[in-house]
Amino acid sequence: MTANSDNKKPDQPSWRKPVGMLFIVFLILLWCGISVTFIDEISQLNFWLQLPIYIILGIAWIFPVKPLLLWMNTGKFRQ
């Protein structure tokens, strides 16, 4: 081992990860609330029309979370 590696401080945990996790939970709850407000209108549709709506609603929440995950790991919202 070199002298430099002995003097290094251990990496400190980042405050961005717990804050980011709270924002992710908030975004998911917000998305669920928005989705549930339209449940009556969606449930009146035919099954084959409901299916793509629920698939889109199930996947679309990921897109606002992606930049947040990047920020949690790098500190930047874009690469």
Protein backbone atom coordinates (compact mmCIF):
# COMPACT_ATOMS: atom_id res chain seq x y z
CA MET A 1 0.00 0.00 0.00
CA THR A 2 1.08 3.50 -0.65
CA ALA A 3 1.12 6.35 1.81
CA ASN A 4 -1.72 8.07 -0.06
CA SER A 5 -4.13 5.17 0.35
CA ASP A 6 -3.48 5.05 4.12
CA ASN A 7 -4.31 8.74 4.57
CA LYS A 8 -7.61 8.65 2.63
CA LYS A 9 -10.77 9.23 4.57
CA PRO A 10 -13.55 6.71 4.05
CA ASP A 11 -16.28 7.87 1.72
CA GLN A 12 -19.01 9.72 3.55
CA PRO A 13 -22.59 8.78 2.71
CA SER A 14 -24.29 11.27 0.45
CA TRP A 15 -27.31 13.24 1.69
CA ARG A 16 -28.74 13.02 -1.83
CA LYS A 17 -29.73 9.36 -1.51
CA PRO A 18 -32.15 9.67 1.44
CA VAL A 19 -33.58 12.91 0.04
CA GLY A 20 -33.94 11.29 -3.38
CA MET A 21 -35.71 8.29 -1.88
CA LEU A 22 -38.20 10.58 -0.16
CA PHE A 23 -38.83 12.40 -3.45
CA ILE A 24 -39.35 9.07 -5.24
CA VAL A 25 -41.93 8.00 -2.66
CA PHE A 26 -43.62 11.39 -2.99
CA LEU A 27 -43.69 11.14 -6.80
CA ILE A 28 -45.14 7.62 -6.68
CA LEU A 29 -47.86 8.70 -4.23
CA LEU A 30 -48.64 11.73 -6.38
CA TRP A 31 -48.82 9.58 -9.51
CA CYS A 32 -51.13 7.10 -7.75
CA GLY A 33 -53.38 9.95 -6.64
CA ILE A 34 -53.57 11.33 -10.17
CA SER A 35 -54.28 7.87 -11.59
CA VAL A 36 -56.99 7.11 -9.05
CA THR A 37 -58.88 10.31 -9.86
CA PHE A 38 -59.58 8.87 -13.32
CA ILE A 39 -60.50 5.35 -12.15
CA ASP A 40 -64.25 5.84 -12.60
CA GLU A 41 -63.89 6.96 -16.20
CA ILE A 42 -61.39 4.21 -17.00
CA SER A 43 -63.47 1.45 -15.40
CA GLN A 44 -66.42 2.26 -17.68
CA LEU A 45 -64.33 1.50 -20.77
CA ASN A 46 -64.03 -1.83 -22.52
CA PHE A 47 -61.33 -4.18 -21.17
CA TRP A 48 -59.25 -3.81 -24.33
CA LEU A 49 -59.24 -0.04 -23.90
CA GLN A 50 -58.46 -0.27 -20.19
CA LEU A 51 -55.48 -2.55 -20.73
CA PRO A 52 -53.23 -0.06 -22.60
CA ILE A 53 -54.25 2.75 -20.24
CA TYR A 54 -53.18 0.74 -17.20
CA ILE A 55 -49.95 -0.33 -18.92
CA ILE A 56 -49.12 3.29 -19.76
CA LEU A 57 -50.00 4.45 -16.24
CA GLY A 58 -47.86 1.65 -14.80
CA ILE A 59 -44.80 2.56 -16.84
CA ALA A 60 -45.05 6.36 -17.20
CA TRP A 61 -44.07 7.11 -13.59
CA ILE A 62 -40.55 5.88 -14.34
CA PHE A 63 -39.69 8.79 -16.67
CA PRO A 64 -39.73 11.56 -14.01
CA VAL A 65 -37.82 9.27 -11.64
CA LYS A 66 -34.91 8.61 -14.04
CA PRO A 67 -33.33 12.09 -13.68
CA LEU A 68 -33.84 11.89 -9.94
CA LEU A 69 -31.94 8.59 -9.78
CA LEU A 70 -29.16 10.10 -11.87
CA TRP A 71 -28.99 13.08 -9.49
CA MET A 72 -28.85 10.76 -6.49
CA ASN A 73 -25.80 8.99 -7.93
CA THR A 74 -23.89 11.80 -9.64
CA GLY A 75 -25.23 15.11 -8.34
CA LYS A 76 -26.29 16.15 -11.87
CA PHE A 77 -29.68 15.84 -13.52
CA ARG A 78 -28.12 15.15 -16.94
CA GLN A 79 -25.14 13.07 -17.96
